[in-house]
């Protein structure tokens, strides 16, 4: 039986929640995390709620997945690894390309080198993949059946045409994206997550280690970093609202995402750790429900009771997708996973938690200015 679990990035949003639940279930948890200021702030060991939540209940290693000696310390005596440590901003990945490749792909390569070439007890590696590896989601065409459109073109979006086009198809209707759907990421972040997943599932079985990849949709909930302006639409909007600033919505506000609550994500991940049925498989983790961004903004404003202007700008970011929501048939069948928390319930829990937190500086415009300077924000 596996008792010792290493979580890389275990001081982050998902990792810390997983660590606490695994400890409660009787596992011995080690966390390897570099306490990135982008997520944890400038004085993380004193002020980061995520780090402080796990500080006294796990074995903590302050280190980086880009450092082989840190990996060696962390892997010692572990039965399984949950690999979360990664750079995670879709937009940011398009202009900090080397950093994303070095951390996400390079860090995973060091892990696999050690697993193949050294003595250890590791029996399973679970990797956090992402819905971003699909790029645009799955669509149905009356003429062609299921199709997988390429990344949208600037010439369409410049005139306010944000929906998908596909050669030979007159009209497309959105469908749930299953695990057999085409993989064609539209951002460097998505490319790195695709590489992580493929590396784990290719290398691990060759040395008798089970690999599992979870393609998470948009994860949200209490504990999400309110400091990071590069990822997490609910936290970004919340920080804007709490500062009394207006919300800037890209495109026409009708772009959709599958928002999945943190507790459901943790439960799915533990199933992947504990069940042999997960071995060497990939699974979507979401709710199977698309929610548009304008609805998200309005629900947050309603829950906070703060009236701020909502600007549907028509601007767009290169690398963003239009729609994607998960087909959960496979994870339901093989692991018995069913999401339990509705968006209405989850957003209520999230906003109640935000109301207990110190208001963070709104750095959203800084992230937009960076993208504008690189020609990635139109």
Protein backbone atom coordinates (compact mmCIF):
# COMPACT_ATOMS: atom_id res chain seq x y z
CA UNK A 1 0.00 0.00 0.00
CA UNK A 2 1.22 3.50 -0.86
CA UNK A 3 1.68 5.63 2.25
CA UNK A 4 4.30 8.25 1.36
CA UNK A 5 3.18 10.83 -1.22
CA UNK A 6 5.25 13.64 -2.73
CA UNK A 7 3.34 16.62 -4.11
CA UNK A 8 5.38 19.01 -6.24
CA UNK A 9 3.87 22.47 -6.18
CA UNK A 10 2.13 21.28 -3.04
CA UNK A 11 1.98 24.74 -1.50
CA UNK A 12 -0.11 25.96 -4.43
CA UNK A 13 -3.87 26.17 -4.68
CA UNK A 14 -4.70 22.60 -5.70
CA UNK A 15 -1.61 21.01 -4.16
CA UNK A 16 -2.20 22.40 -0.67
CA UNK A 17 -5.84 21.25 -0.65
CA UNK A 18 -4.79 17.79 -1.84
CA UNK A 19 -2.04 17.63 0.80
CA UNK A 20 -4.44 18.42 3.64
CA UNK A 21 -6.96 15.81 2.51
CA UNK A 22 -4.30 13.12 2.06
CA UNK A 23 -2.95 13.81 5.55
CA UNK A 24 -6.48 13.51 6.92
CA UNK A 25 -6.74 10.13 5.17
CA UNK A 26 -3.57 8.93 6.91
CA UNK A 27 -0.92 9.48 4.23
CA UNK A 28 2.52 10.90 4.92
CA UNK A 29 2.88 13.90 2.63
CA UNK A 30 6.03 15.68 1.45
CA UNK A 31 5.77 18.94 -0.47
CA UNK A 32 8.37 20.33 -2.87
CA UNK A 33 7.64 23.98 -3.71
CA UNK A 34 9.65 27.11 -4.49
CA UNK A 35 6.99 29.46 -3.01
CA UNK A 36 6.87 31.62 -6.15
CA UNK A 37 6.23 35.31 -5.32
CA UNK A 38 3.75 35.50 -8.23
CA UNK A 39 1.47 33.15 -6.27
CA UNK A 40 2.53 33.55 -2.64
CA UNK A 41 3.69 37.18 -2.41
CA UNK A 42 7.05 38.58 -1.35
CA UNK A 43 7.24 37.11 2.16
CA UNK A 44 5.59 33.70 1.72
CA UNK A 45 6.81 31.92 4.85
CA UNK A 46 5.18 34.64 6.94
CA UNK A 47 2.15 35.73 4.93
CA UNK A 48 1.10 33.10 2.37
CA UNK A 49 -2.17 31.47 3.54
CA UNK A 50 -1.55 28.52 1.23
CA UNK A 51 1.89 27.79 2.66
CA UNK A 52 0.79 28.40 6.24
CA UNK A 53 -2.13 25.97 5.80
CA UNK A 54 0.30 23.06 5.23
CA UNK A 55 3.36 24.24 7.14
CA UNK A 56 2.89 22.10 10.24
CA UNK A 57 1.20 19.06 8.67
CA UNK A 58 3.57 18.05 5.85
CA UNK A 59 7.30 17.62 5.37
CA UNK A 60 8.17 20.77 3.44
CA UNK A 61 11.13 21.15 1.05
CA UNK A 62 11.71 24.67 -0.26
CA UNK A 63 13.16 23.84 -3.65
CA UNK A 64 12.66 23.86 -7.41
CA UNK A 65 11.78 21.17 -9.92
CA UNK A 66 14.51 22.62 -12.12
CA UNK A 67 17.12 21.55 -9.53
CA UNK A 68 18.16 17.89 -9.62
CA UNK A 69 19.40 17.82 -6.02
CA UNK A 70 16.02 19.12 -4.81
CA UNK A 71 14.32 16.33 -6.73
CA UNK A 72 16.65 13.73 -5.19
CA UNK A 73 15.82 14.90 -1.66
CA UNK A 74 12.12 14.95 -2.42
CA UNK A 75 11.87 11.54 -4.11
CA UNK A 76 13.62 9.63 -1.32
CA UNK A 77 11.27 7.03 0.26
CA UNK A 78 8.21 8.18 -1.71
CA UNK A 79 5.64 5.66 -2.95
CA UNK A 80 3.86 8.03 -5.34
CA UNK A 81 4.29 11.50 -6.81
CA UNK A 82 1.63 14.05 -7.72
CA UNK A 83 3.34 16.48 -10.09
CA UNK A 84 1.71 19.92 -9.92
CA UNK A 85 4.73 22.24 -9.98
CA UNK A 86 4.42 24.34 -13.13
CA UNK A 87 4.18 27.84 -14.50
CA UNK A 88 0.48 28.28 -15.27
CA UNK A 89 -0.39 31.55 -17.07
CA UNK A 90 -1.70 31.00 -20.59
CA UNK A 91 -1.07 34.57 -21.71
CA UNK A 92 2.22 34.92 -19.85
CA UNK A 93 3.52 31.74 -21.47
CA UNK A 94 3.45 33.43 -24.87
CA UNK A 95 6.21 35.87 -23.91
CA UNK A 96 8.07 34.03 -21.13
CA UNK A 97 8.58 31.01 -23.33
CA UNK A 98 11.91 29.79 -21.97
CA UNK A 99 10.76 29.93 -18.36
CA UNK A 100 7.64 27.89 -19.13
CA UNK A 101 9.61 25.30 -21.09
CA UNK A 102 12.41 25.09 -18.50
CA UNK A 103 10.05 24.61 -15.55
CA UNK A 104 7.23 22.57 -17.07
CA UNK A 105 9.12 20.38 -19.53
CA UNK A 106 12.64 20.59 -18.13
CA UNK A 107 11.52 19.91 -14.56
CA UNK A 108 9.54 16.87 -15.68
CA UNK A 109 12.55 15.62 -17.64
CA UNK A 110 14.73 15.73 -14.52
CA UNK A 111 12.10 13.72 -12.62
CA UNK A 112 11.91 11.06 -15.31
CA UNK A 113 15.70 10.82 -15.61
CA UNK A 114 15.89 10.09 -11.89
CA UNK A 115 13.05 7.56 -11.99
CA UNK A 116 14.71 5.67 -14.83
CA UNK A 117 18.32 5.88 -13.64
CA UNK A 118 18.23 5.71 -9.84
CA UNK A 119 16.94 3.48 -7.05
CA UNK A 120 13.62 4.55 -5.51
CA UNK A 121 10.24 3.25 -4.28
CA UNK A 122 7.95 5.22 -6.62
CA UNK A 123 5.07 3.14 -7.96
CA UNK A 124 2.81 5.84 -9.45
CA UNK A 125 3.11 9.35 -10.90
CA UNK A 126 0.02 11.53 -11.28
CA UNK A 127 0.54 14.59 -13.47
CA UNK A 128 -1.67 17.67 -13.68
CA UNK A 129 -2.43 18.08 -17.34
CA UNK A 130 -4.88 20.69 -18.60
CA UNK A 131 -7.84 21.30 -20.88
CA UNK A 132 -5.48 23.75 -22.63
CA UNK A 133 -3.87 20.84 -24.51
CA UNK A 134 -7.03 20.55 -26.61
CA UNK A 135 -6.83 24.13 -27.82
CA UNK A 136 -10.31 24.87 -29.10
CA UNK A 137 -12.92 22.34 -28.08
CA UNK A 138 -14.96 19.85 -30.04
CA UNK A 139 -17.70 20.99 -32.44
CA UNK A 140 -20.36 19.34 -34.55
CA UNK A 141 -20.95 20.24 -38.19
CA UNK A 142 -24.09 19.21 -40.10
CA UNK A 143 -21.95 18.56 -43.16
CA UNK A 144 -18.85 16.99 -41.59
CA UNK A 145 -19.81 15.58 -38.19
CA UNK A 146 -17.31 16.15 -35.34
CA UNK A 147 -14.61 18.72 -36.15
CA UNK A 148 -11.76 20.35 -34.23
CA UNK A 149 -11.18 23.93 -35.41
CA UNK A 150 -7.74 25.47 -35.39
CA UNK A 151 -6.79 28.55 -33.43
CA UNK A 152 -8.88 31.60 -34.34
CA UNK A 153 -7.39 34.18 -36.69
CA UNK A 154 -6.81 37.85 -35.89
CA UNK A 155 -8.52 38.93 -39.12
CA UNK A 156 -11.83 37.55 -37.83
CA UNK A 157 -11.48 38.77 -34.26
CA UNK A 158 -10.45 42.27 -35.38
CA UNK A 159 -13.97 42.73 -36.76
CA UNK A 160 -15.69 41.24 -33.71
CA UNK A 161 -16.19 37.74 -35.14
CA UNK A 162 -15.06 35.62 -32.19
CA UNK A 163 -16.72 32.29 -32.97
CA UNK A 164 -15.03 29.36 -34.69
CA UNK A 165 -14.84 28.69 -38.41
CA UNK A 166 -14.06 25.42 -40.14
CA UNK A 167 -13.52 24.78 -43.88
CA UNK A 168 -16.56 23.15 -45.48
CA UNK A 169 -18.82 23.69 -42.46
CA UNK A 170 -21.65 26.20 -42.63
CA UNK A 171 -22.39 26.32 -38.91
CA UNK A 172 -20.75 24.78 -35.86
CA UNK A 173 -22.39 23.71 -32.60
CA UNK A 174 -20.31 23.24 -29.46
CA UNK A 175 -19.95 19.71 -28.06
CA UNK A 176 -18.30 18.26 -24.96
CA UNK A 177 -14.59 17.52 -25.45
CA UNK A 178 -13.69 13.88 -24.74
CA UNK A 179 -10.23 12.41 -24.18
CA UNK A 180 -10.03 11.15 -27.78
CA UNK A 181 -10.46 14.69 -29.14
CA UNK A 182 -7.72 16.29 -31.19
CA UNK A 183 -4.81 17.71 -29.23
CA UNK A 184 -3.67 21.02 -30.73
CA UNK A 185 -2.83 23.55 -28.03
CA UNK A 186 -2.95 27.25 -28.90
CA UNK A 187 -0.51 28.51 -26.24
CA UNK A 188 3.00 27.68 -25.04
CA UNK A 189 1.46 26.73 -21.68
CA UNK A 190 -0.78 24.20 -23.44
CA UNK A 191 2.19 22.81 -25.37
CA UNK A 192 4.15 22.30 -22.15
CA UNK A 193 1.23 20.53 -20.46
CA UNK A 194 0.87 18.25 -23.49
CA UNK A 195 4.58 17.45 -23.25
CA UNK A 196 4.38 16.76 -19.50
CA UNK A 197 1.49 14.37 -19.98
CA UNK A 198 3.09 12.51 -22.88
CA UNK A 199 6.47 12.24 -21.16
CA UNK A 200 4.97 10.77 -17.99
CA UNK A 201 2.73 8.32 -19.84
CA UNK A 202 5.52 7.26 -22.20
CA UNK A 203 8.45 6.87 -19.80
CA UNK A 204 6.88 5.66 -16.55
CA UNK A 205 5.39 2.37 -17.85
CA UNK A 206 8.74 1.37 -19.32
CA UNK A 207 10.16 1.08 -15.79
CA UNK A 208 7.07 -0.40 -14.14
CA UNK A 209 5.65 2.86 -12.78
CA UNK A 210 1.98 3.68 -13.36
CA UNK A 211 1.31 7.06 -14.92
CA UNK A 212 -1.96 8.99 -14.64
CA UNK A 213 -2.83 12.32 -16.30
CA UNK A 214 -5.73 14.52 -15.27
CA UNK A 215 -6.81 17.16 -17.77
CA UNK A 216 -8.22 19.72 -15.36
CA UNK A 217 -10.68 22.31 -16.56
CA UNK A 218 -10.81 25.76 -14.87
CA UNK A 219 -10.30 25.04 -11.17
CA UNK A 220 -11.58 27.56 -8.62
CA UNK A 221 -12.52 27.84 -4.96
CA UNK A 222 -11.39 29.07 -1.54
CA UNK A 223 -7.62 29.33 -1.30
CA UNK A 224 -7.06 30.44 -4.88
CA UNK A 225 -4.29 33.03 -5.12
CA UNK A 226 -5.71 36.54 -5.15
CA UNK A 227 -2.25 37.97 -5.87
CA UNK A 228 -1.66 36.40 -9.28
CA UNK A 229 -2.92 38.58 -12.18
CA UNK A 230 -1.97 36.03 -14.84
CA UNK A 231 -4.32 33.13 -14.17
CA UNK A 232 -7.63 32.36 -12.46
CA UNK A 233 -10.45 34.47 -13.86
CA UNK A 234 -12.54 34.34 -10.65
CA UNK A 235 -9.65 35.56 -8.51
CA UNK A 236 -8.69 38.26 -11.04
CA UNK A 237 -12.26 39.57 -11.23
CA UNK A 238 -12.63 39.35 -7.43
CA UNK A 239 -9.53 41.45 -6.82
CA UNK A 240 -10.81 44.05 -9.30
CA UNK A 241 -14.22 44.18 -7.59
CA UNK A 242 -12.72 44.40 -4.11
CA UNK A 243 -10.61 47.36 -5.25
CA UNK A 244 -13.71 49.06 -6.62
CA UNK A 245 -12.36 48.79 -10.16
CA UNK A 246 -14.38 47.92 -13.20
CA UNK A 247 -14.16 44.48 -14.78
CA UNK A 248 -12.71 44.28 -18.27
CA UNK A 249 -14.13 41.34 -20.24
CA UNK A 250 -12.39 40.18 -23.38
CA UNK A 251 -14.14 39.58 -26.69
CA UNK A 252 -17.96 39.76 -26.34
CA UNK A 253 -18.30 38.04 -22.96
CA UNK A 254 -19.86 34.95 -24.49
CA UNK A 255 -16.68 32.84 -24.38
CA UNK A 256 -17.22 29.85 -22.08
CA UNK A 257 -15.23 27.70 -19.70
CA UNK A 258 -15.94 24.64 -17.55
CA UNK A 259 -15.47 25.82 -13.95
CA UNK A 260 -14.78 22.95 -11.55
CA UNK A 261 -14.69 23.35 -7.78
CA UNK A 262 -11.48 22.62 -5.90
CA UNK A 263 -12.98 19.88 -3.67
CA UNK A 264 -14.15 17.94 -6.73
CA UNK A 265 -10.68 18.20 -8.27
CA UNK A 266 -9.04 16.90 -5.09
CA UNK A 267 -11.48 13.98 -4.92
CA UNK A 268 -10.82 13.04 -8.54
CA UNK A 269 -7.06 13.17 -7.98
CA UNK A 270 -7.24 10.90 -4.94
CA UNK A 271 -9.23 8.38 -6.98
CA UNK A 272 -6.40 8.45 -9.50
CA UNK A 273 -3.85 7.80 -6.77
CA UNK A 274 -5.74 4.99 -5.11
CA UNK A 275 -7.39 3.07 -7.97
CA UNK A 276 -5.50 0.75 -10.32
CA UNK A 277 -8.18 1.49 -12.93
CA UNK A 278 -6.51 4.89 -13.39
CA UNK A 279 -3.11 3.46 -14.27
CA UNK A 280 -1.64 4.68 -17.57
CA UNK A 281 -4.81 6.55 -18.49
CA UNK A 282 -5.84 10.17 -19.07
CA UNK A 283 -9.03 11.67 -17.66
CA UNK A 284 -10.91 14.91 -18.02
CA UNK A 285 -11.83 16.59 -14.72
CA UNK A 286 -14.58 19.19 -14.87
CA UNK A 287 -18.32 19.60 -14.45
CA UNK A 288 -19.36 19.05 -18.03
CA UNK A 289 -21.14 22.44 -17.99
CA UNK A 290 -20.01 25.51 -20.01
CA UNK A 291 -20.42 28.90 -18.31
CA UNK A 292 -19.80 32.19 -20.13
CA UNK A 293 -17.47 34.84 -18.75
CA UNK A 294 -20.14 37.56 -18.53
CA UNK A 295 -22.19 35.27 -16.28
CA UNK A 296 -19.13 34.77 -14.07
CA UNK A 297 -18.65 38.54 -13.71
CA UNK A 298 -22.31 39.17 -12.91
CA UNK A 299 -22.48 36.33 -10.38
CA UNK A 300 -19.40 37.64 -8.58
CA UNK A 301 -20.81 41.18 -8.43
CA UNK A 302 -24.11 39.84 -7.11
CA UNK A 303 -22.42 37.71 -4.44
CA UNK A 304 -20.15 40.52 -3.26
CA UNK A 305 -22.93 43.10 -3.30
CA UNK A 306 -20.54 45.62 -4.84
CA UNK A 307 -21.64 47.50 -7.94
CA UNK A 308 -18.75 48.02 -10.36
CA UNK A 309 -18.92 48.68 -14.10
CA UNK A 310 -18.52 45.75 -16.47
CA UNK A 311 -16.80 46.65 -19.73
CA UNK A 312 -17.15 44.20 -22.60
CA UNK A 313 -14.14 45.49 -24.47
CA UNK A 314 -13.96 43.54 -27.72
CA UNK A 315 -10.23 43.18 -27.03
CA UNK A 316 -8.70 39.73 -27.23
CA UNK A 317 -5.53 37.86 -26.30
CA UNK A 318 -3.67 35.74 -28.81
CA UNK A 319 -3.54 32.18 -27.47
CA UNK A 320 -6.94 32.29 -25.77
CA UNK A 321 -9.57 29.76 -26.80
CA UNK A 322 -13.27 30.45 -27.37
CA UNK A 323 -14.98 27.42 -25.81
CA UNK A 324 -14.13 24.13 -24.15
CA UNK A 325 -16.03 21.96 -21.69
CA UNK A 326 -15.38 18.42 -20.56
CA UNK A 327 -16.98 15.14 -21.50
CA UNK A 328 -16.83 13.21 -18.20
CA UNK A 329 -17.98 9.82 -19.50
CA UNK A 330 -14.59 8.16 -19.09
CA UNK A 331 -13.82 9.27 -15.54
CA UNK A 332 -17.36 8.41 -14.44
CA UNK A 333 -17.09 4.93 -15.93
CA UNK A 334 -13.59 3.99 -14.79
CA UNK A 335 -13.18 5.89 -11.51
CA UNK A 336 -16.76 6.53 -10.45
CA UNK A 337 -16.16 10.28 -10.30
CA UNK A 338 -19.11 12.66 -10.22
CA UNK A 339 -18.66 16.40 -9.54
CA UNK A 340 -20.68 17.33 -6.45
CA UNK A 341 -20.50 21.13 -6.32
CA UNK A 342 -22.59 23.25 -8.70
CA UNK A 343 -21.27 26.57 -9.99
CA UNK A 344 -23.85 28.49 -7.95
CA UNK A 345 -22.82 26.73 -4.74
CA UNK A 346 -19.12 26.92 -5.54
CA UNK A 347 -19.12 30.62 -6.34
CA UNK A 348 -21.01 31.31 -3.10
CA UNK A 349 -18.35 29.41 -1.13
CA UNK A 350 -15.59 31.20 -3.00
CA UNK A 351 -16.93 34.72 -2.49
CA UNK A 352 -17.64 34.08 1.20
CA UNK A 353 -13.99 33.07 1.58
CA UNK A 354 -12.73 36.10 -0.37
CA UNK A 355 -14.73 38.34 1.99
CA UNK A 356 -12.54 37.08 4.86
CA UNK A 357 -9.28 37.88 3.05
CA UNK A 358 -7.20 41.02 2.94
CA UNK A 359 -7.84 42.98 -0.26
CA UNK A 360 -4.88 42.51 -2.61
CA UNK A 361 -3.37 45.08 -4.94
CA UNK A 362 -4.99 44.96 -8.38
CA UNK A 363 -2.14 44.16 -10.78
CA UNK A 364 -4.38 43.23 -13.69
CA UNK A 365 -3.44 46.25 -15.81
CA UNK A 366 0.23 45.39 -15.38
CA UNK A 367 -0.36 41.98 -16.96
CA UNK A 368 -2.29 43.57 -19.84
CA UNK A 369 0.44 46.15 -20.43
CA UNK A 370 3.00 43.34 -20.65
CA UNK A 371 0.93 41.58 -23.31
CA UNK A 372 0.34 44.81 -25.23
CA UNK A 373 4.07 45.48 -25.31
CA UNK A 374 4.60 42.06 -26.90
CA UNK A 375 1.80 42.51 -29.45
CA UNK A 376 -0.27 39.71 -27.91
CA UNK A 377 -3.21 41.84 -26.72
CA UNK A 378 -5.36 43.33 -29.44
